[in-house]
Amino acid sequence: MRGNSINLLFTKTNGFPSHLDSMSGRWREIVERHNLPKLTFHGLRHTYASFMISKNVNFKIIQ
């Protein structure tokens, strides 16, 4: 672990770790179900960062 970074683990309802591919799959389902613009789960991260920058949030907080 570098600096003040934290490691997060997403889990299923049974407490077992979620696989990254399943996270992307669930995101695709949400996008399709709600007729949202096609955006990858990783792209969502960049979109959120851009939004936070537009609100003058400190880069360290966004990081």
N, C-alpha and C. Protein backbone atom coordinates (compact mmCIF):
# COMPACT_ATOMS: atom_id res chain seq x y z
N MET A 1 0.85 -1.18 0.00
CA MET A 1 0.00 0.00 0.00
C MET A 1 0.89 1.23 0.00
N ARG A 2 0.60 2.16 -0.92
CA ARG A 2 1.40 3.38 -1.02
C ARG A 2 0.68 4.54 -0.35
N GLY A 3 1.43 5.36 0.35
CA GLY A 3 0.88 6.58 0.91
C GLY A 3 -0.39 6.34 1.72
N ASN A 4 -1.40 7.17 1.43
CA ASN A 4 -2.67 7.08 2.15
C ASN A 4 -3.72 6.32 1.37
N SER A 5 -3.32 5.53 0.38
CA SER A 5 -4.31 4.83 -0.43
C SER A 5 -4.97 3.73 0.40
N ILE A 6 -6.19 3.39 0.01
CA ILE A 6 -6.90 2.30 0.67
C ILE A 6 -7.28 1.26 -0.38
N ASN A 7 -7.37 0.04 0.04
CA ASN A 7 -7.80 -1.03 -0.84
C ASN A 7 -9.21 -1.41 -0.47
N LEU A 8 -10.09 -1.45 -1.45
CA LEU A 8 -11.49 -1.79 -1.21
C LEU A 8 -11.79 -3.15 -1.82
N LEU A 9 -12.67 -3.87 -1.19
CA LEU A 9 -13.10 -5.16 -1.69
C LEU A 9 -14.61 -5.14 -1.78
N PHE A 10 -15.14 -5.32 -2.99
CA PHE A 10 -16.58 -5.41 -3.17
C PHE A 10 -16.99 -6.86 -2.97
N THR A 11 -18.05 -7.06 -2.20
CA THR A 11 -18.48 -8.42 -1.91
C THR A 11 -19.90 -8.67 -2.41
N LYS A 12 -20.21 -9.94 -2.57
CA LYS A 12 -21.56 -10.36 -2.90
C LYS A 12 -22.37 -10.38 -1.61
N THR A 13 -23.67 -10.62 -1.72
CA THR A 13 -24.52 -10.65 -0.53
C THR A 13 -24.12 -11.76 0.44
N ASN A 14 -23.44 -12.81 -0.07
CA ASN A 14 -23.01 -13.91 0.80
C ASN A 14 -21.65 -13.64 1.45
N GLY A 15 -21.06 -12.46 1.20
CA GLY A 15 -19.80 -12.08 1.81
C GLY A 15 -18.56 -12.46 1.02
N PHE A 16 -18.72 -13.26 -0.03
CA PHE A 16 -17.58 -13.64 -0.85
C PHE A 16 -17.22 -12.50 -1.81
N PRO A 17 -15.94 -12.37 -2.16
CA PRO A 17 -15.52 -11.28 -3.05
C PRO A 17 -16.18 -11.35 -4.43
N SER A 18 -16.49 -10.18 -4.96
CA SER A 18 -17.00 -10.09 -6.34
C SER A 18 -15.83 -10.08 -7.30
N HIS A 19 -16.00 -10.70 -8.43
CA HIS A 19 -14.98 -10.68 -9.47
C HIS A 19 -15.16 -9.40 -10.27
N LEU A 20 -14.05 -8.79 -10.71
CA LEU A 20 -14.12 -7.53 -11.46
C LEU A 20 -15.00 -7.64 -12.68
N ASP A 21 -14.95 -8.78 -13.38
CA ASP A 21 -15.78 -8.95 -14.57
C ASP A 21 -17.27 -8.88 -14.23
N SER A 22 -17.64 -9.38 -13.05
CA SER A 22 -19.05 -9.33 -12.68
C SER A 22 -19.48 -7.89 -12.39
N MET A 23 -18.56 -7.08 -11.87
CA MET A 23 -18.88 -5.67 -11.63
C MET A 23 -19.17 -4.97 -12.95
N SER A 24 -18.34 -5.23 -13.95
CA SER A 24 -18.55 -4.63 -15.27
C SER A 24 -19.84 -5.13 -15.89
N GLY A 25 -20.12 -6.40 -15.70
CA GLY A 25 -21.35 -6.98 -16.24
C GLY A 25 -22.58 -6.35 -15.61
N ARG A 26 -22.56 -6.17 -14.29
CA ARG A 26 -23.69 -5.52 -13.61
C ARG A 26 -23.85 -4.09 -14.10
N TRP A 27 -22.74 -3.39 -14.30
CA TRP A 27 -22.81 -2.00 -14.79
C TRP A 27 -23.47 -1.97 -16.16
N ARG A 28 -23.08 -2.89 -17.05
CA ARG A 28 -23.70 -2.95 -18.39
C ARG A 28 -25.20 -3.19 -18.29
N GLU A 29 -25.62 -4.05 -17.37
CA GLU A 29 -27.05 -4.30 -17.16
C GLU A 29 -27.77 -3.03 -16.73
N ILE A 30 -27.18 -2.27 -15.84
CA ILE A 30 -27.79 -1.02 -15.37
C ILE A 30 -27.91 -0.03 -16.52
N VAL A 31 -26.84 0.10 -17.31
CA VAL A 31 -26.84 1.03 -18.46
C VAL A 31 -27.96 0.66 -19.42
N GLU A 32 -28.06 -0.63 -19.75
CA GLU A 32 -29.08 -1.08 -20.70
C GLU A 32 -30.48 -0.93 -20.13
N ARG A 33 -30.68 -1.34 -18.88
CA ARG A 33 -32.01 -1.29 -18.26
C ARG A 33 -32.56 0.14 -18.21
N HIS A 34 -31.69 1.10 -17.97
CA HIS A 34 -32.12 2.49 -17.81
C HIS A 34 -31.86 3.34 -19.05
N ASN A 35 -31.49 2.67 -20.15
CA ASN A 35 -31.27 3.34 -21.42
C ASN A 35 -30.30 4.52 -21.28
N LEU A 36 -29.19 4.28 -20.57
CA LEU A 36 -28.18 5.31 -20.36
C LEU A 36 -27.18 5.31 -21.51
N PRO A 37 -26.45 6.41 -21.69
CA PRO A 37 -25.40 6.42 -22.72
C PRO A 37 -24.38 5.32 -22.43
N LYS A 38 -23.88 4.70 -23.49
CA LYS A 38 -22.90 3.62 -23.34
C LYS A 38 -21.63 4.19 -22.71
N LEU A 39 -21.28 3.69 -21.55
CA LEU A 39 -20.12 4.13 -20.81
C LEU A 39 -19.61 2.95 -20.00
N THR A 40 -18.32 2.68 -20.09
CA THR A 40 -17.76 1.57 -19.32
C THR A 40 -17.71 1.94 -17.84
N PHE A 41 -17.56 0.92 -17.01
CA PHE A 41 -17.44 1.16 -15.57
C PHE A 41 -16.22 2.03 -15.29
N HIS A 42 -15.13 1.77 -16.01
CA HIS A 42 -13.92 2.59 -15.87
C HIS A 42 -14.18 4.02 -16.36
N GLY A 43 -14.93 4.15 -17.45
CA GLY A 43 -15.29 5.47 -17.96
C GLY A 43 -16.10 6.27 -16.96
N LEU A 44 -16.91 5.57 -16.18
CA LEU A 44 -17.69 6.23 -15.13
C LEU A 44 -16.77 6.92 -14.13
N ARG A 45 -15.67 6.26 -13.83
CA ARG A 45 -14.68 6.83 -12.90
C ARG A 45 -14.13 8.15 -13.43
N HIS A 46 -13.81 8.17 -14.72
CA HIS A 46 -13.27 9.40 -15.33
C HIS A 46 -14.32 10.49 -15.41
N THR A 47 -15.56 10.09 -15.70
CA THR A 47 -16.65 11.07 -15.75
C THR A 47 -16.84 11.72 -14.39
N TYR A 48 -16.82 10.90 -13.35
CA TYR A 48 -16.98 11.43 -11.99
C TYR A 48 -15.83 12.36 -11.64
N ALA A 49 -14.61 11.97 -12.00
CA ALA A 49 -13.45 12.83 -11.71
C ALA A 49 -13.58 14.17 -12.43
N SER A 50 -14.01 14.14 -13.69
CA SER A 50 -14.20 15.39 -14.45
C SER A 50 -15.25 16.27 -13.79
N PHE A 51 -16.34 15.65 -13.33
CA PHE A 51 -17.39 16.40 -12.65
C PHE A 51 -16.85 17.07 -11.39
N MET A 52 -16.08 16.31 -10.60
CA MET A 52 -15.53 16.86 -9.37
C MET A 52 -14.56 18.00 -9.66
N ILE A 53 -13.76 17.88 -10.71
CA ILE A 53 -12.86 18.96 -11.11
C ILE A 53 -13.66 20.21 -11.46
N SER A 54 -14.78 20.01 -12.16
CA SER A 54 -15.62 21.16 -12.55
C SER A 54 -16.21 21.86 -11.33
N LYS A 55 -16.29 21.15 -10.21
CA LYS A 55 -16.80 21.72 -8.95
C LYS A 55 -15.68 22.22 -8.05
N ASN A 56 -14.47 22.31 -8.62
CA ASN A 56 -13.28 22.81 -7.91
C ASN A 56 -12.91 22.00 -6.68
N VAL A 57 -13.14 20.69 -6.73
CA VAL A 57 -12.72 19.82 -5.63
C VAL A 57 -11.22 19.61 -5.74
N ASN A 58 -10.56 19.60 -4.61
CA ASN A 58 -9.12 19.43 -4.56
C ASN A 58 -8.70 18.11 -5.22
N PHE A 59 -7.66 18.17 -6.06
CA PHE A 59 -7.20 16.98 -6.77
C PHE A 59 -6.84 15.83 -5.85
N LYS A 60 -6.30 16.13 -4.68
CA LYS A 60 -5.96 15.08 -3.72
C LYS A 60 -7.20 14.35 -3.22
N ILE A 61 -8.28 15.07 -3.07
CA ILE A 61 -9.55 14.45 -2.66
C ILE A 61 -10.06 13.54 -3.78
N ILE A 62 -10.00 14.02 -5.01
CA ILE A 62 -10.46 13.24 -6.16
C ILE A 62 -9.61 11.99 -6.32
N GLN A 63 -8.32 12.14 -6.10
CA GLN A 63 -7.39 11.02 -6.25
C GLN A 63 -7.76 9.91 -5.32
